[in-house]
Protein backbone atom coordinates (compact mmCIF):
# COMPACT_ATOMS: atom_id res chain seq x y z
CA MET A 1 -75.05 128.65 -90.08
CA SER A 2 -76.94 131.72 -89.34
CA LYS A 3 -77.79 132.25 -93.05
CA LEU A 4 -79.48 128.86 -93.31
CA THR A 5 -81.74 129.48 -90.24
CA ALA A 6 -82.73 132.80 -91.82
CA ILE A 7 -84.55 131.15 -94.78
CA ARG A 8 -88.19 131.20 -94.28
CA PRO A 9 -90.65 128.44 -95.27
CA ALA A 10 -92.22 130.61 -97.92
CA GLN A 11 -88.85 131.04 -99.60
CA VAL A 12 -88.19 127.32 -99.47
CA THR A 13 -91.45 126.60 -101.15
CA ARG A 14 -90.73 129.10 -103.86
CA ILE A 15 -87.26 127.64 -104.50
CA VAL A 16 -88.70 124.13 -104.74
CA LEU A 17 -91.66 125.25 -107.08
CA THR A 18 -88.99 127.02 -109.31
CA LEU A 19 -86.83 123.82 -109.39
CA ALA A 20 -89.90 121.72 -110.34
CA VAL A 21 -90.97 124.09 -113.09
CA ALA A 22 -87.47 124.14 -114.52
CA LEU A 23 -87.43 120.26 -114.33
CA VAL A 24 -90.71 119.89 -116.17
CA LEU A 25 -89.76 122.50 -118.87
CA SER A 26 -86.38 120.79 -119.56
CA GLY A 27 -88.40 117.66 -120.49
CA CYS A 28 -90.33 119.70 -123.27
CA THR A 29 -87.06 120.54 -125.00
CA ARG A 30 -86.41 117.05 -126.26
CA GLY A 31 -88.36 117.72 -129.47
CA MET A 32 -90.90 116.01 -131.57
CA SER A 33 -88.74 114.03 -133.86
CA ASP A 34 -89.97 110.53 -132.44
CA LEU A 35 -93.47 111.68 -132.93
CA ARG A 36 -92.77 112.75 -136.54
CA ASP A 37 -91.07 109.45 -137.24
CA TRP A 38 -94.18 107.62 -136.13
CA VAL A 39 -96.46 109.65 -138.18
CA ASP A 40 -94.38 108.96 -141.17
CA GLN A 41 -94.44 105.38 -140.72
CA GLU A 42 -98.08 105.21 -140.33
CA LYS A 43 -98.49 107.14 -143.44
CA HIS A 44 -96.32 104.84 -145.53
CA LYS A 45 -98.18 101.65 -144.29
CA LYS A 46 -100.69 100.24 -146.86
CA GLY A 47 -104.40 100.19 -145.65
CA ALA A 48 -106.66 97.21 -145.87
CA PRO A 49 -108.50 96.75 -149.25
CA VAL A 50 -111.96 98.15 -149.56
CA PRO A 51 -114.35 95.45 -150.09
CA ALA A 52 -116.29 95.65 -153.42
CA LEU A 53 -119.88 97.10 -153.35
CA PRO A 54 -122.71 94.66 -153.26
CA VAL A 55 -124.82 94.11 -156.31
CA ILE A 56 -128.04 95.87 -156.05
CA LYS A 57 -131.03 93.64 -156.98
CA THR A 58 -133.59 95.05 -159.20
CA PHE A 59 -137.21 94.28 -158.44
CA GLU A 60 -140.03 94.19 -160.96
CA THR A 61 -142.75 96.94 -160.59
CA PHE A 62 -146.15 95.59 -159.98
CA GLN A 63 -148.99 97.43 -161.76
CA TYR A 64 -152.46 96.99 -159.80
CA ALA A 65 -154.76 95.89 -162.39
CA ASP A 66 -158.00 94.75 -160.70
CA GLN A 67 -160.55 97.41 -161.83
CA ASP A 68 -163.25 96.05 -159.50
CA LYS A 69 -161.41 96.57 -156.33
CA ARG A 70 -160.00 99.70 -154.90
CA ASP A 71 -156.18 100.12 -154.97
CA PRO A 72 -155.09 99.56 -151.26
CA PHE A 73 -152.25 102.07 -151.84
CA SER A 74 -154.23 105.02 -152.96
CA PRO A 75 -156.44 107.25 -150.79
CA SER A 76 -160.12 106.49 -150.47
CA THR A 77 -162.80 109.01 -151.54
CA ALA A 78 -163.40 109.86 -147.73
CA GLU A 79 -159.72 110.68 -147.38
CA LEU A 80 -159.71 112.73 -150.59
CA GLN A 81 -162.69 114.71 -149.38
CA GLN A 82 -160.97 115.32 -146.10
CA GLY A 83 -157.93 116.35 -147.88
CA ASN A 84 -159.91 119.02 -149.94
CA GLY A 85 -160.95 120.64 -146.70
CA ASN A 86 -164.71 120.39 -147.49
CA ALA A 87 -165.41 117.81 -144.71
CA GLY A 88 -164.22 117.30 -141.17
CA PRO A 89 -163.16 119.44 -138.29
CA ARG A 90 -161.08 122.64 -138.77
CA PRO A 91 -159.19 124.86 -136.39
CA ASP A 92 -160.65 128.35 -135.79
CA GLU A 93 -158.14 130.65 -137.16
CA ASN A 94 -160.02 133.82 -136.12
CA ARG A 95 -159.99 132.92 -132.34
CA THR A 96 -157.21 134.64 -130.33
CA LYS A 97 -154.95 132.07 -128.84
CA GLU A 98 -155.14 131.54 -125.11
CA PRO A 99 -151.86 131.49 -122.93
CA LEU A 100 -151.61 127.74 -122.46
CA GLU A 101 -151.71 127.09 -126.21
CA MET A 102 -147.93 128.17 -126.55
CA PHE A 103 -146.93 125.05 -124.55
CA ALA A 104 -146.82 121.33 -125.54
CA LEU A 105 -149.60 119.43 -123.75
CA ASP A 106 -147.09 117.01 -122.04
CA SER A 107 -145.28 119.82 -120.58
CA LEU A 108 -148.53 121.04 -118.79
CA LYS A 109 -149.37 119.73 -115.36
CA MET A 110 -152.64 119.52 -113.54
CA VAL A 111 -152.12 120.53 -109.84
CA GLY A 112 -155.60 120.57 -108.53
CA THR A 113 -159.21 121.77 -108.79
CA VAL A 114 -161.32 124.68 -107.48
CA GLY A 115 -165.04 124.41 -107.03
CA THR A 116 -167.47 121.71 -107.60
CA GLY A 117 -170.03 120.60 -110.21
CA ALA A 118 -170.46 122.58 -113.37
CA GLY A 119 -168.40 125.51 -112.06
CA MET A 120 -165.34 123.42 -111.40
CA GLU A 121 -162.17 125.01 -112.58
CA VAL A 122 -158.81 123.05 -112.93
CA LEU A 123 -155.41 124.50 -111.91
CA VAL A 124 -152.72 123.93 -114.45
CA LYS A 125 -149.08 124.67 -114.14
CA ASP A 126 -147.06 125.66 -117.08
CA PRO A 127 -143.25 125.02 -117.64
CA GLY A 128 -142.46 128.32 -116.21
CA GLY A 129 -143.96 127.49 -112.96
CA VAL A 130 -147.11 129.80 -113.36
CA ILE A 131 -150.51 128.28 -112.45
CA HIS A 132 -153.48 128.97 -114.53
CA ARG A 133 -157.18 128.54 -113.97
CA VAL A 134 -158.73 126.59 -116.89
CA HIS A 135 -162.46 126.18 -117.51
CA ARG A 136 -164.30 123.95 -119.70
CA ASN A 137 -164.18 124.72 -123.57
CA GLU A 138 -160.98 126.61 -123.09
CA TYR A 139 -157.86 125.82 -125.21
CA MET A 140 -154.57 124.47 -124.14
CA GLY A 141 -151.71 122.69 -125.87
CA GLN A 142 -150.20 123.38 -129.36
CA ASN A 143 -152.64 121.11 -131.24
CA TYR A 144 -155.79 123.38 -130.71
CA GLY A 145 -156.62 121.18 -127.58
CA ARG A 146 -160.11 122.18 -126.35
CA VAL A 147 -161.23 121.06 -122.76
CA THR A 148 -164.23 118.80 -122.99
CA ALA A 149 -164.40 117.64 -119.29
CA ILE A 150 -162.96 118.57 -116.04
CA GLY A 151 -162.84 115.99 -113.22
CA GLU A 152 -161.32 116.08 -109.73
CA ASP A 153 -158.33 113.98 -111.00
CA HIS A 154 -158.09 114.62 -114.83
CA ILE A 155 -158.83 116.85 -117.66
CA ASP A 156 -160.30 115.55 -120.95
CA LEU A 157 -159.44 117.31 -124.12
CA VAL A 158 -160.08 116.91 -127.94
CA GLU A 159 -156.99 118.03 -130.02
CA LEU A 160 -157.19 118.80 -133.83
CA VAL A 161 -154.25 117.24 -135.71
CA SER A 162 -153.29 117.02 -139.38
CA ASN A 163 -154.42 113.80 -141.13
CA GLY A 164 -151.52 113.78 -143.57
CA ASN A 165 -153.95 114.66 -146.53
CA GLY A 166 -154.36 118.33 -145.86
CA GLY A 167 -157.40 117.82 -143.65
CA TRP A 168 -157.72 117.66 -139.89
CA MET A 169 -159.03 114.95 -137.48
CA GLU A 170 -159.91 115.00 -133.86
CA ARG A 171 -157.82 113.12 -131.22
CA PRO A 172 -158.77 112.51 -127.60
CA ALA A 173 -156.35 113.49 -124.92
CA SER A 174 -156.19 113.97 -121.12
CA ILE A 175 -154.06 115.13 -118.44
CA ALA A 176 -154.00 113.41 -114.99
CA LEU A 177 -153.45 115.01 -111.56
CA GLY A 178 -149.83 114.92 -110.88
CA GLU A 179 -148.21 113.11 -108.09
CA LYS A 180 -147.28 115.39 -105.12
């Protein structure tokens, strides 16, 4: 009886864990024959038949033959002139890019203004958390956005975006003062 009382709780825990591990591992020696049998049965089953492909309808091509009117599916002469690059706005490629031009416009947040009247500056926070002072006629955003007006609660910009024909067109944008 003195030997049984000499067993410590840590030793009892170790013995119980050893027996549990041995019991779990003995369940793994059963093998995988039932799994292999099931896989073989599934492989030998016939699959459902594949439905036939639908017949593709052919459509008649339409040739626009009215010479008096412009074809609605071809670009107009104004669009062609913009595509040539002779008319319309163009980005200034010689200008050095400003720090806020590397961020998308929707990732920039207006956080406040400094000053009043014509000397008003706007405070803009970039995605990295850095706050920049922006003045009128400075650029921000990835679409050549030029600041046209600064209000106490918003910034107005004009962006230059591609018109799809090789030319550029102006698009208005704005950033409102963010909620605090």
